[in-house]
Amino acid sequence: MKSGHKSLTDSVITRQNVILFIAAVMFIGSLIYTGIAPGVSWTAGSALSILLLGLILWAFEPVPFGMTSMIIMVLLVMLQTVNIDVMLSGFSSPAVFLVVAGVMLVQGVGQTPLIQRISYRLVYRLGTSLRGLFIGIFVLIQFLAFFIPTNSVRATLLLPLATRVVDSIGAEETSNYNKLIMVGIAFATNLSAVGVLTGAVSNILAVELLNAYTEYSITYLQWFLYALPLWVILTIIIPFVLLWFYPPEEVDTESLHEEMEAAYREFGKLSEAEWKCIAVLILTVVLWMLESVHGFHPVIPAMLAVVLITLPKVGFVNWKAVVNINFDLILLIGASLSLGYALTESGALDVLTDALLTDTLVQLFSNPWVAMVAVIIISQLYHMVVTNISTAVVTLVPIIITISVEVGLNPVMMTFVTAITLLFGFILAIQSMPNVIIYNEGRIRQKDLVKPGIVITIISAIATILVAFTFWNIFGLWP
């Protein structure tokens, strides 16, 4: 056992060293090349080199995300790419504090049995039909997107329920129902981020970048309205696609129904803490929806919610219970935004855009239909290489925005399409955190995702194009 463990450790270390070596060589080579390339300033060249290094380290993760973020920030200043104010500017973005407040809010909600109560009641009501139960859980995850920020948290909350349901009916790992529930939760959680601005960190980053590079922005309500038809269409179609690939076996669900009924009744009546939790969540969503009326950035309602749930006498949870935050996530968001701002400040984005903006690309993007298809395909392929969605957003969105402005396309629409498409990580297990969370449970394999994932990816692309050329025209997003 010890020798096997040592062998595994050695292989991990070897892989880590190889990736770090390749990253260092490519970074130094890029730095030298851009340093001597005509028409490229040192600041622009060094920024592009740092971007390349960040992409490699974030994509293959030889070191933690937080460490990569630190490396990037240090290099931005040490190589005199930008000054320290620009290097730290990403951390002054509302996006950082919106994520912090969202995570704290989720921690507080998790201190009550509210989500478990809702989930078990749904399973109890629908437990007599495996198909109905699956569709019910799928829709429940969409509903939770309004109240539980970030899709990875929603996947984590629903996973125990899913495993209990599968185990209750005695489904084997090779059974269709096990695959249906596990793959379904991963895909449902990815989809749930589409309709709500706070549904995923990458959504928030995309809006912040749009605001930084243009005079436009997208409010919480606008995001919801833009995404609603696409969200509804895919919420209807995806469950039936999965049911076609994994039709559940005929099993006796009486034991499942009885177990879920007993588990639900154990919760008893709604506690005072749960009522307070419901009130705060509803207030937060209402304030997010009314952003255009009161003018407050979504971070303000989120921070207010944290205050209300932790305030003595008023709240229902202790402050110390909600401050357990993954600091790697904060570093990733702040550093990603700082790198995005540095690309503009250093002139690197102009160099990159000039290199990409060939006559062929200009002609391609001059046709809105072709541009839409091209952006969807590019986003999908890019996401399969740069698997971290936040990294993909912060590196791809600025380029899409710049090209859109150059050729006269609406940057709001193109940013929205890019951000939405990057959420559709249906093919690879590493394409999204919900996929990773479900996959790491060990109940499904990569091959269980591929076939339905390819079909759903194609369907999502077609649905996006159809919604863009019909519904979005009402809001002036097209062309």
Protein backbone atom coordinates (compact mmCIF):
# COMPACT_ATOMS: atom_id res chain seq x y z
CA MET A 1 0.00 0.00 0.00
CA LYS A 2 2.78 2.39 0.92
CA SER A 3 4.64 1.82 -2.31
CA GLY A 4 1.43 2.34 -4.30
CA HIS A 5 0.73 5.55 -2.43
CA LYS A 6 4.26 6.73 -3.07
CA SER A 7 3.95 5.89 -6.76
CA LEU A 8 0.70 7.86 -7.02
CA THR A 9 2.24 10.81 -5.19
CA ASP A 10 5.31 10.71 -7.42
CA SER A 11 3.13 10.72 -10.55
CA VAL A 12 1.19 13.72 -9.27
CA ILE A 13 4.40 15.55 -8.45
CA THR A 14 5.83 14.68 -11.86
CA ARG A 15 2.72 15.98 -13.63
CA GLN A 16 2.81 19.15 -11.54
CA ASN A 17 6.48 19.73 -12.31
CA VAL A 18 6.00 19.09 -16.04
CA ILE A 19 3.13 21.58 -16.27
CA LEU A 20 5.02 24.20 -14.27
CA PHE A 21 8.10 23.72 -16.46
CA ILE A 22 6.08 24.04 -19.68
CA ALA A 23 4.28 27.09 -18.30
CA ALA A 24 7.58 28.75 -17.34
CA VAL A 25 9.18 28.03 -20.72
CA MET A 26 6.17 29.35 -22.66
CA PHE A 27 5.98 32.43 -20.43
CA ILE A 28 9.66 33.29 -20.85
CA GLY A 29 9.52 32.54 -24.57
CA SER A 30 6.46 34.72 -25.00
CA LEU A 31 8.08 37.50 -22.98
CA ILE A 32 11.17 37.43 -25.18
CA TYR A 33 9.17 37.28 -28.42
CA THR A 34 6.82 40.13 -27.54
CA GLY A 35 9.77 42.11 -26.22
CA ILE A 36 11.48 42.11 -29.62
CA ALA A 37 8.34 42.08 -31.81
CA PRO A 38 7.97 45.32 -33.79
CA GLY A 39 5.03 47.50 -32.87
CA VAL A 40 4.46 45.82 -29.49
CA SER A 41 5.28 47.82 -26.38
CA TRP A 42 6.81 46.22 -23.31
CA THR A 43 3.65 46.75 -21.26
CA ALA A 44 1.45 45.12 -23.90
CA GLY A 45 3.89 42.26 -24.50
CA SER A 46 4.37 41.49 -20.82
CA ALA A 47 0.59 41.61 -20.23
CA LEU A 48 0.01 39.08 -23.02
CA SER A 49 2.74 36.86 -21.59
CA ILE A 50 1.18 36.99 -18.13
CA LEU A 51 -2.19 36.19 -19.69
CA LEU A 52 -0.69 33.11 -21.36
CA LEU A 53 0.87 31.99 -18.08
CA GLY A 54 -2.40 32.49 -16.24
CA LEU A 55 -4.34 30.50 -18.82
CA ILE A 56 -1.98 27.53 -18.51
CA LEU A 57 -1.93 27.55 -14.71
CA TRP A 58 -5.67 28.08 -14.35
CA ALA A 59 -6.52 25.49 -17.00
CA PHE A 60 -4.32 22.66 -15.73
CA GLU A 61 -4.13 23.70 -12.05
CA PRO A 62 -0.61 22.53 -11.14
CA VAL A 63 -0.95 24.93 -8.19
CA PRO A 64 -4.12 26.18 -6.43
CA PHE A 65 -6.18 28.92 -8.10
CA GLY A 66 -5.33 31.35 -5.33
CA MET A 67 -1.60 30.84 -5.80
CA THR A 68 -1.91 31.41 -9.56
CA SER A 69 -3.81 34.61 -8.81
CA MET A 70 -1.01 35.79 -6.53
CA ILE A 71 1.61 34.96 -9.18
CA ILE A 72 -0.25 37.01 -11.78
CA MET A 73 -0.64 40.02 -9.50
CA VAL A 74 3.02 39.98 -8.49
CA LEU A 75 4.18 39.72 -12.11
CA LEU A 76 1.93 42.59 -13.23
CA VAL A 77 3.84 44.95 -10.95
CA MET A 78 7.33 43.39 -10.99
CA LEU A 79 7.44 43.45 -14.79
CA GLN A 80 6.16 47.05 -14.72
CA THR A 81 3.16 46.06 -16.83
CA VAL A 82 0.81 48.23 -14.76
CA ASN A 83 1.06 50.11 -11.49
CA ILE A 84 -0.10 48.71 -8.18
CA ASP A 85 -3.41 50.59 -8.34
CA VAL A 86 -4.41 48.76 -11.52
CA MET A 87 -3.10 45.48 -10.11
CA LEU A 88 -5.43 45.81 -7.12
CA SER A 89 -8.33 47.39 -9.01
CA GLY A 90 -10.11 44.07 -9.50
CA PHE A 91 -10.60 43.76 -5.75
CA SER A 92 -12.47 47.08 -5.63
CA SER A 93 -15.04 45.71 -8.05
CA PRO A 94 -18.57 45.14 -6.69
CA ALA A 95 -18.35 41.64 -8.17
CA VAL A 96 -15.91 40.57 -5.45
CA PHE A 97 -18.15 41.71 -2.62
CA LEU A 98 -21.25 40.33 -4.33
CA VAL A 99 -19.64 36.91 -4.35
CA VAL A 100 -18.49 37.30 -0.73
CA ALA A 101 -21.97 38.34 0.39
CA GLY A 102 -23.54 35.55 -1.68
CA VAL A 103 -21.34 32.90 -0.09
CA MET A 104 -22.07 34.28 3.38
CA LEU A 105 -25.81 34.28 2.65
CA VAL A 106 -25.63 30.65 1.55
CA GLN A 107 -23.75 29.77 4.74
CA GLY A 108 -26.55 31.36 6.73
CA VAL A 109 -29.33 29.61 4.80
CA GLY A 110 -27.47 26.34 5.30
CA GLN A 111 -27.79 26.78 9.07
CA THR A 112 -31.55 26.18 8.70
CA PRO A 113 -33.29 23.05 7.36
CA LEU A 114 -35.28 25.14 4.88
CA ILE A 115 -33.73 23.82 1.64
CA GLN A 116 -33.80 20.24 2.89
CA ARG A 117 -37.43 20.68 3.94
CA ILE A 118 -38.44 21.92 0.47
CA SER A 119 -36.45 19.17 -1.26
CA TYR A 120 -37.84 16.31 0.83
CA ARG A 121 -41.39 17.60 0.51
CA LEU A 122 -41.00 17.60 -3.27
CA VAL A 123 -39.60 14.07 -3.28
CA TYR A 124 -42.37 12.93 -0.93
CA ARG A 125 -45.07 14.37 -3.20
CA LEU A 126 -43.54 13.02 -6.42
CA GLY A 127 -42.00 9.83 -5.06
CA THR A 128 -44.54 7.51 -6.67
CA SER A 129 -43.21 8.27 -10.18
CA LEU A 130 -39.51 8.07 -10.98
CA ARG A 131 -39.92 10.20 -14.10
CA GLY A 132 -41.98 12.77 -12.25
CA LEU A 133 -39.49 12.77 -9.39
CA PHE A 134 -36.59 13.43 -11.75
CA ILE A 135 -38.40 16.27 -13.52
CA GLY A 136 -39.43 17.71 -10.16
CA ILE A 137 -35.84 17.79 -8.87
CA PHE A 138 -34.70 19.31 -12.16
CA VAL A 139 -37.25 22.13 -11.85
CA LEU A 140 -36.50 22.59 -8.13
CA ILE A 141 -32.87 23.35 -8.95
CA GLN A 142 -33.99 26.07 -11.35
CA PHE A 143 -36.17 27.59 -8.62
CA LEU A 144 -33.31 27.54 -6.10
CA ALA A 145 -31.19 29.67 -8.45
CA PHE A 146 -33.14 32.75 -7.31
CA PHE A 147 -32.21 32.25 -3.67
CA ILE A 148 -28.93 30.31 -3.64
CA PRO A 149 -26.12 32.18 -5.46
CA THR A 150 -23.49 30.17 -7.40
CA ASN A 151 -24.28 26.87 -9.09
CA SER A 152 -21.62 24.85 -7.25
CA VAL A 153 -23.42 25.48 -3.94
CA ARG A 154 -26.73 24.32 -5.41
CA ALA A 155 -25.11 21.12 -6.63
CA THR A 156 -23.59 20.51 -3.19
CA LEU A 157 -26.95 21.07 -1.46
CA LEU A 158 -28.87 18.68 -3.74
CA LEU A 159 -26.28 15.91 -3.97
CA PRO A 160 -27.10 14.26 -0.60
CA LEU A 161 -30.79 14.16 -1.53
CA ALA A 162 -29.98 12.63 -4.90
CA THR A 163 -27.81 9.88 -3.45
CA ARG A 164 -30.46 9.09 -0.84
CA VAL A 165 -33.14 8.77 -3.52
CA VAL A 166 -30.95 6.48 -5.63
CA ASP A 167 -30.00 4.35 -2.62
CA SER A 168 -33.60 4.14 -1.41
CA ILE A 169 -34.76 2.35 -4.55
CA GLY A 170 -31.64 0.18 -4.61
CA ALA A 171 -30.39 1.50 -7.96
CA GLU A 172 -26.95 0.23 -8.98
CA GLU A 173 -24.30 2.59 -10.34
CA THR A 174 -24.77 1.01 -13.76
CA SER A 175 -28.52 1.56 -13.72
CA ASN A 176 -30.20 4.13 -15.91
CA TYR A 177 -31.88 5.78 -12.95
CA ASN A 178 -28.60 6.40 -11.15
CA LYS A 179 -27.18 7.98 -14.31
CA LEU A 180 -30.39 9.94 -14.90
CA ILE A 181 -30.40 11.50 -11.44
CA MET A 182 -26.66 12.21 -11.21
CA VAL A 183 -26.18 13.53 -14.75
CA GLY A 184 -29.50 15.35 -14.42
CA ILE A 185 -28.43 17.23 -11.29
CA ALA A 186 -25.15 18.28 -12.92
CA PHE A 187 -26.89 19.51 -16.09
CA ALA A 188 -29.77 21.11 -14.16
CA THR A 189 -27.34 23.06 -11.98
CA ASN A 190 -25.40 24.27 -15.02
CA LEU A 191 -28.66 25.39 -16.62
CA SER A 192 -29.91 27.05 -13.44
CA ALA A 193 -27.19 29.70 -13.73
CA VAL A 194 -28.60 30.90 -17.06
CA GLY A 195 -31.65 32.80 -15.88
CA VAL A 196 -30.27 34.64 -12.85
CA LEU A 197 -27.41 37.13 -12.79
CA THR A 198 -26.28 35.89 -9.37
CA GLY A 199 -26.64 32.27 -10.50
CA ALA A 200 -22.93 31.97 -11.29
CA VAL A 201 -19.76 33.93 -10.59
CA SER A 202 -19.01 34.02 -14.31
CA ASN A 203 -22.25 35.95 -14.97
CA ILE A 204 -21.17 38.65 -12.56
CA LEU A 205 -17.70 38.81 -14.10
CA ALA A 206 -19.14 39.15 -17.62
CA VAL A 207 -21.32 42.10 -16.60
CA GLU A 208 -18.44 43.79 -14.79
CA LEU A 209 -16.23 43.44 -17.87
CA LEU A 210 -18.98 44.80 -20.12
CA ASN A 211 -19.30 47.78 -17.81
CA ALA A 212 -15.52 48.27 -17.76
CA TYR A 213 -15.00 48.11 -21.53
CA THR A 214 -18.15 49.93 -22.70
CA GLU A 215 -20.73 52.37 -21.43
CA TYR A 216 -23.29 49.57 -21.22
CA SER A 217 -24.31 47.30 -18.37
CA ILE A 218 -26.92 44.63 -17.62
CA THR A 219 -29.16 44.81 -14.56
CA TYR A 220 -30.48 41.82 -12.63
CA LEU A 221 -33.95 42.24 -14.15
CA GLN A 222 -32.59 42.70 -17.69
CA TRP A 223 -30.52 39.53 -17.40
CA PHE A 224 -33.59 37.65 -16.20
CA LEU A 225 -35.78 38.92 -19.05
CA TYR A 226 -33.14 38.26 -21.72
CA ALA A 227 -32.55 34.72 -20.48
CA LEU A 228 -36.11 33.74 -19.54
CA PRO A 229 -37.30 32.28 -22.88
CA LEU A 230 -34.06 30.33 -23.38
CA TRP A 231 -34.15 29.16 -19.77
CA VAL A 232 -37.74 27.96 -20.05
CA ILE A 233 -37.15 26.20 -23.38
CA LEU A 234 -34.10 24.29 -22.11
CA THR A 235 -35.75 23.50 -18.78
CA ILE A 236 -38.49 21.73 -20.77
CA ILE A 237 -36.25 20.02 -23.34
CA ILE A 238 -33.20 18.85 -21.36
CA PRO A 239 -35.07 16.54 -18.92
CA PHE A 240 -36.75 14.75 -21.81
CA VAL A 241 -33.44 14.35 -23.65
CA LEU A 242 -31.95 12.77 -20.53
CA LEU A 243 -35.01 10.55 -20.11
CA TRP A 244 -34.56 9.40 -23.70
CA PHE A 245 -30.92 8.48 -23.07
CA TYR A 246 -31.53 7.01 -19.61
CA PRO A 247 -35.12 5.69 -19.34
CA PRO A 248 -35.57 4.65 -15.69
CA GLU A 249 -36.09 1.01 -14.86
CA GLU A 250 -39.40 -0.20 -13.46
CA VAL A 251 -38.96 -0.45 -9.67
CA ASP A 252 -41.19 -0.39 -6.60
CA THR A 253 -41.18 3.17 -5.27
CA GLU A 254 -43.33 2.48 -2.20
CA SER A 255 -40.31 2.27 0.13
CA LEU A 256 -38.92 5.51 -1.31
CA HIS A 257 -42.26 7.26 -0.81
CA GLU A 258 -42.50 6.07 2.80
CA GLU A 259 -38.90 7.01 3.61
CA MET A 260 -39.26 10.50 2.14
CA GLU A 261 -42.56 11.01 3.96
CA ALA A 262 -40.96 10.05 7.27
CA ALA A 263 -37.94 12.27 6.61
CA TYR A 264 -40.17 15.22 5.69
CA ARG A 265 -42.40 14.86 8.75
CA GLU A 266 -39.35 14.87 11.02
CA PHE A 267 -38.87 18.55 10.18
CA GLY A 268 -42.12 19.47 11.90
CA LYS A 269 -43.51 22.99 11.58
CA LEU A 270 -41.53 25.87 10.12
CA SER A 271 -39.25 27.31 12.79
CA GLU A 272 -38.82 31.00 13.51
CA ALA A 273 -35.38 30.88 11.88
CA GLU A 274 -36.88 29.41 8.70
CA TRP A 275 -39.57 32.10 8.53
CA LYS A 276 -36.90 34.78 8.92
CA CYS A 277 -34.81 33.07 6.25
CA ILE A 278 -37.74 33.06 3.82
CA ALA A 279 -38.45 36.74 4.49
CA VAL A 280 -34.82 37.76 3.90
CA LEU A 281 -34.51 35.72 0.71
CA ILE A 282 -37.71 37.17 -0.74
CA LEU A 283 -36.65 40.71 0.19
CA THR A 284 -33.24 40.18 -1.45
CA VAL A 285 -34.70 38.90 -4.72
CA VAL A 286 -37.26 41.73 -4.83
CA LEU A 287 -34.52 44.33 -4.33
CA TRP A 288 -32.43 42.68 -7.06
CA MET A 289 -35.39 42.81 -9.42
CA LEU A 290 -36.01 46.50 -8.63
CA GLU A 291 -32.43 47.61 -9.31
CA SER A 292 -33.59 49.97 -12.08
CA VAL A 293 -35.95 51.65 -9.58
CA HIS A 294 -33.73 52.17 -6.53
CA GLY A 295 -30.41 52.29 -8.43
CA PHE A 296 -28.43 50.13 -5.99
CA HIS A 297 -25.94 47.62 -7.38
CA PRO A 298 -26.94 43.97 -6.61
CA VAL A 299 -24.12 43.85 -4.05
CA ILE A 300 -26.07 46.16 -1.72
CA PRO A 301 -29.14 43.88 -1.30
CA ALA A 302 -26.77 40.92 -0.87
CA MET A 303 -24.81 42.69 1.87
CA LEU A 304 -28.07 43.84 3.49
CA ALA A 305 -29.25 40.23 3.54
CA VAL A 306 -26.07 39.16 5.35
CA VAL A 307 -26.60 41.92 7.92
CA LEU A 308 -30.22 40.91 8.48
CA ILE A 309 -29.53 37.20 8.96
CA THR A 310 -26.70 37.85 11.44
CA LEU A 311 -27.97 40.93 13.30
CA PRO A 312 -28.59 40.19 17.01
CA LYS A 313 -32.30 39.88 17.91
CA VAL A 314 -33.25 40.20 14.21
CA GLY A 315 -31.27 37.46 12.51
CA PHE A 316 -31.15 33.73 12.99
CA VAL A 317 -27.46 32.83 12.68
CA ASN A 318 -24.23 33.81 14.41
CA TRP A 319 -21.77 36.00 12.47
CA LYS A 320 -18.93 33.51 12.92
CA ALA A 321 -21.02 30.84 11.21
CA VAL A 322 -21.13 32.75 7.91
CA VAL A 323 -17.55 34.00 7.52
CA ASN A 324 -16.07 30.65 6.53
CA ILE A 325 -15.26 31.71 2.96
CA ASN A 326 -12.99 30.06 0.39
CA PHE A 327 -10.38 32.79 -0.05
CA ASP A 328 -9.07 31.12 -3.21
CA LEU A 329 -12.34 32.10 -4.88
CA ILE A 330 -11.94 35.74 -3.83
CA LEU A 331 -8.37 35.83 -5.11
CA LEU A 332 -9.45 34.25 -8.40
CA ILE A 333 -12.20 36.81 -9.01
CA GLY A 334 -10.13 39.83 -7.99
CA ALA A 335 -7.05 38.77 -9.92
CA SER A 336 -9.11 37.83 -12.99
CA LEU A 337 -10.68 41.28 -13.08
CA SER A 338 -7.34 42.98 -12.43
CA LEU A 339 -5.82 41.05 -15.32
CA GLY A 340 -8.74 42.12 -17.51
CA TYR A 341 -8.19 45.78 -16.59
CA ALA A 342 -4.43 45.37 -17.12
CA LEU A 343 -4.99 44.09 -20.66
CA THR A 344 -6.72 47.36 -21.48
CA GLU A 345 -4.40 49.66 -19.53
CA SER A 346 -1.26 48.14 -21.06
CA GLY A 347 -2.56 48.18 -24.63
CA ALA A 348 -2.41 44.39 -24.84
CA LEU A 349 -6.06 44.11 -25.79
CA ASP A 350 -5.50 46.43 -28.77
CA VAL A 351 -2.53 44.32 -29.92
CA LEU A 352 -4.54 41.12 -29.53
CA THR A 353 -7.55 42.56 -31.33
CA ASP A 354 -5.43 43.87 -34.23
CA ALA A 355 -3.89 40.44 -34.63
CA LEU A 356 -7.28 38.71 -34.62
CA LEU A 357 -9.23 41.27 -36.61
CA THR A 358 -8.33 39.97 -40.06
CA ASP A 359 -10.42 40.69 -43.15
CA THR A 360 -11.89 37.19 -42.89
CA LEU A 361 -12.96 37.71 -39.29
CA VAL A 362 -14.43 41.14 -40.09
CA GLN A 363 -16.51 39.63 -42.89
CA LEU A 364 -17.51 36.79 -40.60
CA PHE A 365 -18.73 39.10 -37.85
CA SER A 366 -20.33 41.56 -40.25
CA ASN A 367 -23.16 39.07 -40.76
CA PRO A 368 -25.13 38.88 -37.47
CA TRP A 369 -26.34 35.33 -38.15
CA VAL A 370 -22.85 34.06 -38.83
CA ALA A 371 -21.39 36.07 -35.94
CA MET A 372 -23.84 34.52 -33.50
CA VAL A 373 -23.02 30.99 -34.62
CA ALA A 374 -19.29 31.76 -34.61
CA VAL A 375 -19.36 33.14 -31.04
CA ILE A 376 -21.30 30.12 -29.79
CA ILE A 377 -18.87 27.67 -31.43
CA ILE A 378 -15.80 29.63 -30.27
CA SER A 379 -17.14 29.83 -26.71
CA GLN A 380 -17.87 26.10 -26.60
CA LEU A 381 -14.46 25.09 -27.95
CA TYR A 382 -12.65 27.62 -25.78
CA HIS A 383 -14.45 26.34 -22.70
CA MET A 384 -13.34 22.79 -23.43
CA VAL A 385 -9.72 23.98 -23.28
CA VAL A 386 -10.01 26.62 -20.55
CA THR A 387 -12.26 24.61 -18.27
CA ASN A 388 -12.54 27.17 -15.48
CA ILE A 389 -15.53 29.31 -16.46
CA SER A 390 -14.35 32.45 -14.66
CA THR A 391 -11.00 32.28 -16.45
CA ALA A 392 -12.73 31.68 -19.78
CA VAL A 393 -14.99 34.70 -19.23
CA VAL A 394 -12.25 37.11 -18.19
CA THR A 395 -10.04 36.18 -21.16
CA LEU A 396 -12.64 35.70 -23.91
CA VAL A 397 -15.29 38.32 -23.16
CA PRO A 398 -12.98 41.37 -23.59
CA ILE A 399 -11.97 40.13 -27.04
CA ILE A 400 -15.59 39.48 -28.07
CA ILE A 401 -16.59 42.94 -26.82
CA THR A 402 -13.78 44.69 -28.71
CA ILE A 403 -14.46 42.85 -31.97
CA SER A 404 -18.22 43.50 -31.64
CA VAL A 405 -17.65 47.23 -31.22
CA GLU A 406 -15.26 47.29 -34.20
CA VAL A 407 -17.73 45.63 -36.59
CA GLY A 408 -20.85 47.36 -35.23
CA LEU A 409 -22.52 44.50 -33.37
CA ASN A 410 -24.30 45.09 -30.08
CA PRO A 411 -21.67 44.35 -27.37
CA VAL A 412 -24.37 43.69 -24.77
CA MET A 413 -25.85 40.90 -26.88
CA MET A 414 -22.49 39.36 -27.76
CA THR A 415 -21.31 39.50 -24.13
CA PHE A 416 -24.55 37.90 -22.99
CA VAL A 417 -24.34 35.13 -25.58
CA THR A 418 -20.71 34.39 -24.70
CA ALA A 419 -21.42 34.28 -20.96
CA ILE A 420 -24.49 32.07 -21.41
CA THR A 421 -22.74 29.66 -23.77
CA LEU A 422 -19.82 29.26 -21.37
CA LEU A 423 -22.30 27.99 -18.77
CA PHE A 424 -23.27 25.07 -21.03
CA GLY A 425 -20.61 22.65 -19.82
CA PHE A 426 -22.48 19.46 -20.69
CA ILE A 427 -19.83 17.28 -22.36
CA LEU A 428 -16.79 17.03 -20.07
CA ALA A 429 -16.77 16.40 -16.34
CA ILE A 430 -14.22 19.18 -15.85
CA GLN A 431 -16.25 21.83 -17.71
CA SER A 432 -18.07 23.09 -14.63
CA MET A 433 -17.96 22.83 -10.85
CA PRO A 434 -21.37 21.09 -10.67
CA ASN A 435 -20.06 18.44 -13.08
CA VAL A 436 -16.93 18.00 -10.95
CA ILE A 437 -18.92 17.79 -7.71
CA ILE A 438 -21.28 15.13 -9.06
CA TYR A 439 -18.50 13.24 -10.87
CA ASN A 440 -16.33 13.12 -7.74
CA GLU A 441 -19.14 11.31 -5.93
CA GLY A 442 -18.00 8.29 -7.97
CA ARG A 443 -21.43 7.21 -9.22
CA ILE A 444 -21.05 8.20 -12.89
CA ARG A 445 -18.27 8.09 -15.46
CA GLN A 446 -17.14 10.55 -18.12
CA LYS A 447 -18.80 8.48 -20.85
CA ASP A 448 -22.18 8.95 -19.14
CA LEU A 449 -21.97 12.67 -19.90
CA VAL A 450 -20.69 12.61 -23.48
CA LYS A 451 -23.61 11.42 -25.63
CA PRO A 452 -26.42 13.36 -23.92
CA GLY A 453 -24.00 16.26 -23.47
CA ILE A 454 -23.29 16.56 -27.19
CA VAL A 455 -27.01 16.45 -28.07
CA ILE A 456 -27.91 19.02 -25.40
CA THR A 457 -25.04 21.28 -26.44
CA ILE A 458 -26.33 21.32 -30.02
CA ILE A 459 -29.89 21.93 -28.82
CA SER A 460 -28.76 24.78 -26.55
CA ALA A 461 -26.90 26.42 -29.44
CA ILE A 462 -29.93 26.20 -31.75
CA ALA A 463 -32.25 27.48 -29.01
CA THR A 464 -29.92 30.42 -28.31
CA ILE A 465 -29.89 31.42 -31.98
CA LEU A 466 -33.67 31.16 -32.30
CA VAL A 467 -34.27 33.22 -29.15
CA ALA A 468 -31.72 35.79 -30.30
CA PHE A 469 -33.45 36.36 -33.63
CA THR A 470 -36.96 36.48 -32.17
CA PHE A 471 -37.37 37.42 -28.55
CA TRP A 472 -34.25 39.56 -28.12
CA ASN A 473 -35.32 41.78 -30.98
CA ILE A 474 -38.07 43.11 -28.67
CA PHE A 475 -35.41 44.43 -26.30
CA GLY A 476 -33.30 45.97 -29.04
CA LEU A 477 -30.46 43.50 -28.58
CA TRP A 478 -30.41 42.47 -32.22
CA PRO A 479 -28.40 42.99 -34.32
